Amino acid sequence: MKRRGAAIVLIVALAGAAPAVAPAVAQESADPIDAILRGAAREPPTSGFYVQQTGRTPDGPPSPADLAYDDRIRASMAAAQGFQGPLDGGWTLAGAGGALYALQLADHEGVVEGSWRDLRRPPGQGASGFVEQVEAGERELTIRFGGRTAVLHAERGGWRGRLTDGSRGEAVSLHRTP
Protein backbone atom coordinates (compact mmCIF):
# COMPACT_ATOMS: atom_id res chain seq x y z
CA MET A 1 0.00 0.00 0.00
CA LYS A 2 2.88 2.32 0.75
CA ARG A 3 4.22 1.84 -2.80
CA ARG A 4 0.90 2.70 -4.35
CA GLY A 5 0.63 5.84 -2.25
CA ALA A 6 4.17 6.88 -3.14
CA ALA A 7 3.47 6.33 -6.85
CA ILE A 8 0.33 8.47 -6.66
CA VAL A 9 2.19 11.25 -4.88
CA LEU A 10 4.93 11.12 -7.51
CA ILE A 11 2.42 11.30 -10.40
CA VAL A 12 0.60 14.25 -8.82
CA ALA A 13 3.90 16.00 -8.16
CA LEU A 14 5.04 15.52 -11.76
CA ALA A 15 1.71 16.63 -13.20
CA GLY A 16 1.70 19.79 -11.15
CA ALA A 17 5.31 20.72 -11.77
CA ALA A 18 5.94 23.81 -13.82
CA PRO A 19 7.57 23.20 -17.20
CA ALA A 20 11.27 23.79 -17.32
CA VAL A 21 12.11 27.00 -19.10
CA ALA A 22 15.54 27.75 -20.44
CA PRO A 23 16.91 31.04 -19.25
CA ALA A 24 16.63 33.80 -21.84
CA VAL A 25 19.99 34.33 -23.50
CA ALA A 26 20.67 37.20 -25.84
CA GLN A 27 21.67 34.92 -28.67
CA GLU A 28 20.66 35.39 -32.30
CA SER A 29 19.18 32.26 -33.91
CA ALA A 30 20.99 30.81 -36.89
CA ASP A 31 18.22 31.18 -39.49
CA PRO A 32 19.64 30.64 -42.99
CA ILE A 33 16.58 32.14 -44.70
CA ASP A 34 16.89 35.27 -42.58
CA ALA A 35 20.58 35.49 -43.47
CA ILE A 36 19.75 35.27 -47.19
CA LEU A 37 17.04 37.91 -46.89
CA ARG A 38 19.39 40.23 -45.02
CA GLY A 39 22.01 39.74 -47.72
CA ALA A 40 24.57 38.05 -45.52
CA ALA A 41 27.56 36.73 -47.43
CA ARG A 42 27.67 33.03 -48.05
CA GLU A 43 30.60 31.20 -46.64
CA PRO A 44 32.63 29.39 -49.29
CA PRO A 45 32.70 25.63 -48.85
CA THR A 46 35.79 24.33 -47.15
CA SER A 47 35.70 20.94 -48.84
CA GLY A 48 33.94 19.19 -51.66
CA PHE A 49 33.23 20.51 -55.12
CA TYR A 50 30.43 21.44 -57.48
CA VAL A 51 29.26 19.28 -60.38
CA GLN A 52 30.15 21.94 -62.96
CA GLN A 53 33.79 21.95 -61.86
CA THR A 54 35.80 20.07 -64.44
CA GLY A 55 38.76 17.88 -63.68
CA ARG A 56 37.48 16.84 -60.25
CA THR A 57 35.68 13.65 -59.38
CA PRO A 58 34.19 12.46 -56.11
CA ASP A 59 36.20 9.26 -56.39
CA GLY A 60 39.78 8.64 -57.28
CA PRO A 61 40.91 7.59 -60.72
CA PRO A 62 39.18 4.49 -62.11
CA SER A 63 40.65 1.16 -61.09
CA PRO A 64 41.69 -1.47 -63.66
CA ALA A 65 38.48 -3.37 -62.82
CA ASP A 66 36.40 -0.22 -63.49
CA LEU A 67 38.14 0.30 -66.83
CA ALA A 68 37.60 -3.36 -67.82
CA TYR A 69 33.90 -3.08 -66.94
CA ASP A 70 33.54 0.08 -69.05
CA ASP A 71 35.29 -1.65 -71.96
CA ARG A 72 32.89 -4.62 -71.73
CA ILE A 73 29.89 -2.26 -71.79
CA ARG A 74 31.26 -0.44 -74.86
CA ALA A 75 31.96 -3.75 -76.64
CA SER A 76 28.46 -5.05 -75.89
CA MET A 77 26.91 -1.85 -77.19
CA ALA A 78 28.98 -1.99 -80.39
CA ALA A 79 27.99 -5.65 -80.91
CA ALA A 80 24.30 -4.85 -80.43
CA GLN A 81 24.54 -1.97 -82.90
CA GLY A 82 26.26 -4.31 -85.36
CA PHE A 83 23.08 -6.42 -85.46
CA GLN A 84 20.92 -3.40 -86.30
CA GLY A 85 19.93 -2.87 -89.90
CA PRO A 86 19.73 0.40 -91.83
CA LEU A 87 16.05 0.98 -91.00
CA ASP A 88 16.50 0.66 -87.22
CA GLY A 89 15.42 3.74 -85.28
CA GLY A 90 12.88 6.55 -85.35
CA TRP A 91 11.34 7.82 -88.61
CA THR A 92 8.81 10.50 -89.55
CA LEU A 93 6.42 10.08 -92.47
CA ALA A 94 5.49 13.55 -93.73
CA GLY A 95 3.16 14.87 -96.42
CA ALA A 96 2.78 18.29 -98.03
CA GLY A 97 1.06 19.61 -94.89
CA GLY A 98 3.76 18.45 -92.46
CA ALA A 99 4.43 15.44 -90.26
CA LEU A 100 1.77 12.71 -90.46
CA TYR A 101 3.09 9.64 -88.65
CA ALA A 102 5.94 8.76 -86.33
CA LEU A 103 7.41 5.30 -86.91
CA GLN A 104 9.75 3.40 -84.62
CA LEU A 105 11.36 0.53 -86.49
CA ALA A 106 13.54 -2.35 -85.31
CA ASP A 107 15.64 -3.82 -88.13
CA HIS A 108 17.35 -7.01 -86.96
CA GLU A 109 19.08 -9.18 -89.54
CA GLY A 110 16.68 -8.11 -92.31
CA VAL A 111 13.50 -8.59 -90.27
CA VAL A 112 11.82 -5.22 -89.75
CA GLU A 113 9.14 -4.68 -87.09
CA GLY A 114 7.78 -1.52 -85.63
CA SER A 115 5.09 0.71 -84.28
CA TRP A 116 3.40 3.87 -85.53
CA ARG A 117 1.67 6.93 -84.07
CA ASP A 118 -0.59 9.45 -85.83
CA LEU A 119 0.95 12.85 -85.06
CA ARG A 120 -2.25 14.74 -85.97
CA ARG A 121 -4.44 13.03 -83.38
CA PRO A 122 -4.37 13.07 -79.60
CA PRO A 123 -3.36 9.80 -77.92
CA GLY A 124 -6.15 7.28 -77.82
CA GLN A 125 -7.66 4.31 -79.56
CA GLY A 126 -6.78 4.23 -83.26
CA ALA A 127 -4.04 6.88 -82.91
CA SER A 128 -1.22 4.32 -82.74
CA GLY A 129 -0.49 0.68 -83.36
CA PHE A 130 1.94 -1.88 -84.69
CA VAL A 131 3.35 -1.95 -88.19
CA GLU A 132 1.79 -4.94 -89.90
CA GLN A 133 4.38 -5.53 -92.60
CA VAL A 134 7.60 -4.05 -93.95
CA GLU A 135 9.03 -5.16 -97.27
CA ALA A 136 12.49 -3.68 -97.69
CA GLY A 137 14.54 -3.88 -100.84
CA GLU A 138 17.65 -1.96 -101.80
CA ARG A 139 15.77 0.89 -103.48
CA GLU A 140 12.12 0.28 -102.50
CA LEU A 141 10.34 0.14 -99.17
CA THR A 142 6.71 -0.81 -98.51
CA ILE A 143 5.22 -0.23 -95.05
CA ARG A 144 1.70 -1.39 -94.14
CA PHE A 145 0.21 -0.03 -90.92
CA GLY A 146 -3.27 0.75 -89.61
CA GLY A 147 -4.97 0.05 -92.96
CA ARG A 148 -2.51 2.31 -94.82
CA THR A 149 0.24 1.46 -97.28
CA ALA A 150 3.30 3.58 -97.94
CA VAL A 151 5.31 2.67 -101.05
CA LEU A 152 8.62 4.53 -100.96
CA HIS A 153 11.71 4.77 -103.16
CA ALA A 154 15.22 5.53 -101.89
CA GLU A 155 16.47 9.04 -102.50
CA ARG A 156 19.39 10.98 -101.13
CA GLY A 157 18.85 11.46 -97.39
CA GLY A 158 15.64 9.46 -97.11
CA TRP A 159 12.70 7.96 -98.94
CA ARG A 160 9.94 9.46 -101.14
CA GLY A 161 6.75 7.90 -102.41
CA ARG A 162 3.02 7.62 -101.93
CA LEU A 163 0.83 6.87 -98.92
CA THR A 164 -2.50 5.22 -99.69
CA ASP A 165 -5.24 5.30 -97.07
CA GLY A 166 -8.27 3.50 -98.47
CA SER A 167 -9.10 5.28 -101.74
CA ARG A 168 -7.12 8.41 -100.81
CA GLY A 169 -3.46 8.84 -101.70
CA GLU A 170 -0.84 11.53 -101.17
CA ALA A 171 2.84 12.15 -101.79
CA VAL A 172 4.99 11.55 -98.72
CA SER A 173 8.60 11.42 -97.59
CA LEU A 174 10.19 9.34 -94.87
CA HIS A 175 13.16 10.74 -92.96
CA ARG A 176 14.97 9.92 -89.74
CA THR A 177 13.66 11.55 -86.60
CA PRO A 178 16.37 13.74 -85.06
C-alpha atoms as a PDB file:
ATOM      1  CA  MET A   1       0.000   0.000   0.000  1.00  0.00           C
ATOM      2  CA  LYS A   2       2.875   2.318   0.751  1.00  0.00           C
ATOM      3  CA  ARG A   3       4.216   1.835  -2.798  1.00  0.00           C
ATOM      4  CA  ARG A   4       0.897   2.702  -4.347  1.00  0.00           C
ATOM      5  CA  GLY A   5       0.632   5.842  -2.253  1.00  0.00           C
ATOM      6  CA  ALA A   6       4.171   6.883  -3.138  1.00  0.00           C
ATOM      7  CA  ALA A   7       3.466   6.335  -6.851  1.00  0.00           C
ATOM      8  CA  ILE A   8       0.325   8.470  -6.664  1.00  0.00           C
ATOM      9  CA  VAL A   9       2.192  11.247  -4.876  1.00  0.00           C
ATOM     10  CA  LEU A  10       4.930  11.120  -7.514  1.00  0.00           C
ATOM     11  CA  ILE A  11       2.423  11.301 -10.400  1.00  0.00           C
ATOM     12  CA  VAL A  12       0.605  14.252  -8.816  1.00  0.00           C
ATOM     13  CA  ALA A  13       3.902  15.999  -8.164  1.00  0.00           C
ATOM     14  CA  LEU A  14       5.045  15.524 -11.763  1.00  0.00           C
ATOM     15  CA  ALA A  15       1.711  16.632 -13.204  1.00  0.00           C
ATOM     16  CA  GLY A  16       1.705  19.789 -11.148  1.00  0.00           C
ATOM     17  CA  ALA A  17       5.308  20.720 -11.768  1.00  0.00           C
ATOM     18  CA  ALA A  18       5.940  23.806 -13.818  1.00  0.00           C
ATOM     19  CA  PRO A  19       7.569  23.203 -17.203  1.00  0.00           C
ATOM     20  CA  ALA A  20      11.275  23.785 -17.318  1.00  0.00           C
ATOM     21  CA  VAL A  21      12.114  27.002 -19.104  1.00  0.00           C
ATOM     22  CA  ALA A  22      15.545  27.753 -20.443  1.00  0.00           C
ATOM     23  CA  PRO A  23      16.906  31.043 -19.253  1.00  0.00           C
ATOM     24  CA  ALA A  24      16.630  33.804 -21.840  1.00  0.00           C
ATOM     25  CA  VAL A  25      19.988  34.328 -23.502  1.00  0.00           C
ATOM     26  CA  ALA A  26      20.666  37.205 -25.837  1.00  0.00           C
ATOM     27  CA  GLN A  27      21.669  34.921 -28.675  1.00  0.00           C
ATOM     28  CA  GLU A  28      20.664  35.387 -32.298  1.00  0.00           C
ATOM     29  CA  SER A  29      19.182  32.263 -33.913  1.00  0.00           C
ATOM     30  CA  ALA A  30      20.991  30.813 -36.886  1.00  0.00           C
ATOM     31  CA  ASP A  31      18.222  31.181 -39.488  1.00  0.00           C
ATOM     32  CA  PRO A  32      19.645  30.635 -42.988  1.00  0.00           C
ATOM     33  CA  ILE A  33      16.583  32.142 -44.696  1.00  0.00           C
ATOM     34  CA  ASP A  34      16.887  35.272 -42.577  1.00  0.00           C
ATOM     35  CA  ALA A  35      20.576  35.494 -43.474  1.00  0.00           C
ATOM     36  CA  ILE A  36      19.746  35.266 -47.195  1.00  0.00           C
ATOM     37  CA  LEU A  37      17.036  37.905 -46.892  1.00  0.00           C
ATOM     38  CA  ARG A  38      19.393  40.228 -45.017  1.00  0.00           C
ATOM     39  CA  GLY A  39      22.014  39.739 -47.717  1.00  0.00           C
ATOM     40  CA  ALA A  40      24.568  38.048 -45.516  1.00  0.00           C
ATOM     41  CA  ALA A  41      27.556  36.733 -47.428  1.00  0.00           C
ATOM     42  CA  ARG A  42      27.665  33.027 -48.053  1.00  0.00           C
ATOM     43  CA  GLU A  43      30.602  31.198 -46.641  1.00  0.00           C
ATOM     44  CA  PRO A  44      32.627  29.385 -49.293  1.00  0.00           C
ATOM     45  CA  PRO A  45      32.700  25.633 -48.848  1.00  0.00           C
ATOM     46  CA  THR A  46      35.791  24.332 -47.148  1.00  0.00           C
ATOM     47  CA  SER A  47      35.698  20.937 -48.838  1.00  0.00           C
ATOM     48  CA  GLY A  48      33.940  19.192 -51.664  1.00  0.00           C
ATOM     49  CA  PHE A  49      33.226  20.508 -55.121  1.00  0.00           C
ATOM     50  CA  TYR A  50      30.430  21.436 -57.476  1.00  0.00           C
ATOM     51  CA  VAL A  51      29.261  19.276 -60.380  1.00  0.00           C
ATOM     52  CA  GLN A  52      30.150  21.937 -62.955  1.00  0.00           C
ATOM     53  CA  GLN A  53      33.788  21.954 -61.857  1.00  0.00           C
ATOM     54  CA  THR A  54      35.801  20.067 -64.436  1.00  0.00           C
ATOM     55  CA  GLY A  55      38.764  17.885 -63.680  1.00  0.00           C
ATOM     56  CA  ARG A  56      37.482  16.844 -60.252  1.00  0.00           C
ATOM     57  CA  THR A  57      35.676  13.652 -59.378  1.00  0.00           C
ATOM     58  CA  PRO A  58      34.193  12.460 -56.115  1.00  0.00           C
ATOM     59  CA  ASP A  59      36.201   9.255 -56.389  1.00  0.00           C
ATOM     60  CA  GLY A  60      39.776   8.640 -57.276  1.00  0.00           C
ATOM     61  CA  PRO A  61      40.910   7.588 -60.718  1.00  0.00           C
ATOM     62  CA  PRO A  62      39.185   4.486 -62.108  1.00  0.00           C
ATOM     63  CA  SER A  63      40.653   1.160 -61.093  1.00  0.00           C
ATOM     64  CA  PRO A  64      41.685  -1.470 -63.665  1.00  0.00           C
ATOM     65  CA  ALA A  65      38.475  -3.370 -62.817  1.00  0.00           C
ATOM     66  CA  ASP A  66      36.404  -0.217 -63.486  1.00  0.00           C
ATOM     67  CA  LEU A  67      38.140   0.298 -66.832  1.00  0.00           C
ATOM     68  CA  ALA A  68      37.600  -3.361 -67.815  1.00  0.00           C
ATOM     69  CA  TYR A  69      33.899  -3.084 -66.939  1.00  0.00           C
ATOM     70  CA  ASP A  70      33.538   0.080 -69.055  1.00  0.00           C
ATOM     71  CA  ASP A  71      35.289  -1.650 -71.962  1.00  0.00           C
ATOM     72  CA  ARG A  72      32.889  -4.616 -71.733  1.00  0.00           C
ATOM     73  CA  ILE A  73      29.894  -2.256 -71.785  1.00  0.00           C
ATOM     74  CA  ARG A  74      31.256  -0.439 -74.856  1.00  0.00           C
ATOM     75  CA  ALA A  75      31.963  -3.747 -76.644  1.00  0.00           C
ATOM     76  CA  SER A  76      28.462  -5.053 -75.893  1.00  0.00           C
ATOM     77  CA  MET A  77      26.905  -1.853 -77.191  1.00  0.00           C
ATOM     78  CA  ALA A  78      28.980  -1.986 -80.387  1.00  0.00           C
ATOM     79  CA  ALA A  79      27.995  -5.652 -80.915  1.00  0.00           C
ATOM     80  CA  ALA A  80      24.303  -4.853 -80.432  1.00  0.00           C
ATOM     81  CA  GLN A  81      24.545  -1.971 -82.904  1.00  0.00           C
ATOM     82  CA  GLY A  82      26.255  -4.313 -85.360  1.00  0.00           C
ATOM     83  CA  PHE A  83      23.080  -6.416 -85.464  1.00  0.00           C
ATOM     84  CA  GLN A  84      20.924  -3.397 -86.304  1.00  0.00           C
ATOM     85  CA  GLY A  85      19.929  -2.873 -89.905  1.00  0.00           C
ATOM     86  CA  PRO A  86      19.728   0.402 -91.826  1.00  0.00           C
ATOM     87  CA  LEU A  87      16.046   0.980 -90.997  1.00  0.00           C
ATOM     88  CA  ASP A  88      16.502   0.656 -87.225  1.00  0.00           C
ATOM     89  CA  GLY A  89      15.419   3.745 -85.284  1.00  0.00           C
ATOM     90  CA  GLY A  90      12.884   6.548 -85.352  1.00  0.00           C
ATOM     91  CA  TRP A  91      11.341   7.818 -88.607  1.00  0.00           C
ATOM     92  CA  THR A  92       8.810  10.505 -89.550  1.00  0.00           C
ATOM     93  CA  LEU A  93       6.422  10.085 -92.471  1.00  0.00           C
ATOM     94  CA  ALA A  94       5.490  13.554 -93.732  1.00  0.00           C
ATOM     95  CA  GLY A  95       3.157  14.871 -96.423  1.00  0.00           C
ATOM     96  CA  ALA A  96       2.776  18.289 -98.026  1.00  0.00           C
ATOM     97  CA  GLY A  97       1.058  19.612 -94.893  1.00  0.00           C
ATOM     98  CA  GLY A  98       3.756  18.453 -92.462  1.00  0.00           C
ATOM     99  CA  ALA A  99       4.428  15.440 -90.259  1.00  0.00           C
ATOM    100  CA  LEU A 100       1.773  12.711 -90.465  1.00  0.00           C
ATOM    101  CA  TYR A 101       3.088   9.644 -88.653  1.00  0.00           C
ATOM    102  CA  ALA A 102       5.942   8.758 -86.328  1.00  0.00           C
ATOM    103  CA  LEU A 103       7.408   5.298 -86.907  1.00  0.00           C
ATOM    104  CA  GLN A 104       9.749   3.402 -84.617  1.00  0.00           C
ATOM    105  CA  LEU A 105      11.361   0.530 -86.492  1.00  0.00           C
ATOM    106  CA  ALA A 106      13.543  -2.350 -85.314  1.00  0.00           C
ATOM    107  CA  ASP A 107      15.641  -3.823 -88.132  1.00  0.00           C
ATOM    108  CA  HIS A 108      17.351  -7.014 -86.959  1.00  0.00           C
ATOM    109  CA  GLU A 109      19.082  -9.181 -89.540  1.00  0.00           C
ATOM    110  CA  GLY A 110      16.685  -8.113 -92.310  1.00  0.00           C
ATOM    111  CA  VAL A 111      13.501  -8.587 -90.274  1.00  0.00           C
ATOM    112  CA  VAL A 112      11.820  -5.218 -89.747  1.00  0.00           C
ATOM    113  CA  GLU A 113       9.142  -4.685 -87.095  1.00  0.00           C
ATOM    114  CA  GLY A 114       7.781  -1.517 -85.629  1.00  0.00           C
ATOM    115  CA  SER A 115       5.088   0.710 -84.276  1.00  0.00           C
ATOM    116  CA  TRP A 116       3.397   3.869 -85.532  1.00  0.00           C
ATOM    117  CA  ARG A 117       1.668   6.929 -84.068  1.00  0.00           C
ATOM    118  CA  ASP A 118      -0.588   9.452 -85.827  1.00  0.00           C
ATOM    119  CA  LEU A 119       0.950  12.855 -85.064  1.00  0.00           C
ATOM    120  CA  ARG A 120      -2.249  14.738 -85.972  1.00  0.00           C
ATOM    121  CA  ARG A 121      -4.438  13.025 -83.381  1.00  0.00           C
ATOM    122  CA  PRO A 122      -4.370  13.066 -79.598  1.00  0.00           C
ATOM    123  CA  PRO A 123      -3.364   9.804 -77.920  1.00  0.00           C
ATOM    124  CA  GLY A 124      -6.152   7.281 -77.816  1.00  0.00           C
ATOM    125  CA  GLN A 125      -7.664   4.314 -79.565  1.00  0.00           C
ATOM    126  CA  GLY A 126      -6.776   4.228 -83.255  1.00  0.00           C
ATOM    127  CA  ALA A 127      -4.037   6.876 -82.915  1.00  0.00           C
ATOM    128  CA  SER A 128      -1.222   4.316 -82.738  1.00  0.00           C
ATOM    129  CA  GLY A 129      -0.486   0.678 -83.359  1.00  0.00           C
ATOM    130  CA  PHE A 130       1.939  -1.878 -84.691  1.00  0.00           C
ATOM    131  CA  VAL A 131       3.355  -1.946 -88.190  1.00  0.00           C
ATOM    132  CA  GLU A 132       1.787  -4.940 -89.896  1.00  0.00           C
ATOM    133  CA  GLN A 133       4.379  -5.526 -92.597  1.00  0.00           C
ATOM    134  CA  VAL A 134       7.597  -4.051 -93.948  1.00  0.00           C
ATOM    135  CA  GLU A 135       9.034  -5.162 -97.270  1.00  0.00           C
ATOM    136  CA  ALA A 136      12.489  -3.684 -97.691  1.00  0.00           C
ATOM    137  CA  GLY A 137      14.542  -3.879-100.843  1.00  0.00           C
ATOM    138  CA  GLU A 138      17.654  -1.956-101.803  1.00  0.00           C
ATOM    139  CA  ARG A 139      15.770   0.889-103.485  1.00  0.00           C
ATOM    140  CA  GLU A 140      12.123   0.281-102.497  1.00  0.00           C
ATOM    141  CA  LEU A 141      10.340   0.138 -99.165  1.00  0.00           C
ATOM    142  CA  THR A 142       6.709  -0.807 -98.511  1.00  0.00           C
ATOM    143  CA  ILE A 143       5.221  -0.232 -95.054  1.00  0.00           C
ATOM    144  CA  ARG A 144       1.703  -1.394 -94.136  1.00  0.00           C
ATOM    145  CA  PHE A 145       0.213  -0.031 -90.922  1.00  0.00           C
ATOM    146  CA  GLY A 146      -3.270   0.753 -89.612  1.00  0.00           C
ATOM    147  CA  GLY A 147      -4.971   0.051 -92.958  1.00  0.00           C
ATOM    148  CA  ARG A 148      -2.511   2.305 -94.824  1.00  0.00           C
ATOM    149  CA  THR A 149       0.243   1.455 -97.278  1.00  0.00           C
ATOM    150  CA  ALA A 150       3.304   3.583 -97.944  1.00  0.00           C
ATOM    151  CA  VAL A 151       5.308   2.667-101.047  1.00  0.00           C
ATOM    152  CA  LEU A 152       8.619   4.531-100.960  1.00  0.00           C
ATOM    153  CA  HIS A 153      11.714   4.774-103.159  1.00  0.00           C
ATOM    154  CA  ALA A 154      15.215   5.529-101.889  1.00  0.00           C
ATOM    155  CA  GLU A 155      16.467   9.042-102.499  1.00  0.00           C
ATOM    156  CA  ARG A 156      19.393  10.976-101.130  1.00  0.00           C
ATOM    157  CA  GLY A 157      18.853  11.458 -97.393  1.00  0.00           C
ATOM    158  CA  GLY A 158      15.643   9.459 -97.105  1.00  0.00           C
ATOM    159  CA  TRP A 159      12.697   7.963 -98.940  1.00  0.00           C
ATOM    160  CA  ARG A 160       9.944   9.459-101.136  1.00  0.00           C
ATOM    161  CA  GLY A 161       6.754   7.897-102.408  1.00  0.00           C
ATOM    162  CA  ARG A 162       3.022   7.619-101.930  1.00  0.00           C
ATOM    163  CA  LEU A 163       0.825   6.870 -98.921  1.00  0.00           C
ATOM    164  CA  THR A 164      -2.498   5.216 -99.694  1.00  0.00           C
ATOM    165  CA  ASP A 165      -5.237   5.299 -97.073  1.00  0.00           C
ATOM    166  CA  GLY A 166      -8.274   3.504 -98.466  1.00  0.00           C
ATOM    167  CA  SER A 167      -9.095   5.281-101.740  1.00  0.00           C
ATOM    168  CA  ARG A 168      -7.116   8.409-100.807  1.00  0.00           C
ATOM    169  CA  GLY A 169      -3.462   8.840-101.700  1.00  0.00           C
ATOM    170  CA  GLU A 170      -0.835  11.527-101.173  1.00  0.00           C
ATOM    171  CA  ALA A 171       2.840  12.155-101.795  1.00  0.00           C
ATOM    172  CA  VAL A 172       4.986  11.548 -98.718  1.00  0.00           C
ATOM    173  CA  SER A 173       8.597  11.423 -97.591  1.00  0.00           C
ATOM    174  CA  LEU A 174      10.195   9.342 -94.872  1.00  0.00           C
ATOM    175  CA  HIS A 175      13.156  10.737 -92.963  1.00  0.00           C
ATOM    176  CA  ARG A 176      14.973   9.922 -89.741  1.00  0.00           C
ATOM    177  CA  THR A 177      13.659  11.552 -86.602  1.00  0.00           C
ATOM    178  CA  PRO A 178      16.374  13.740 -85.061  1.00  0.00           C
END
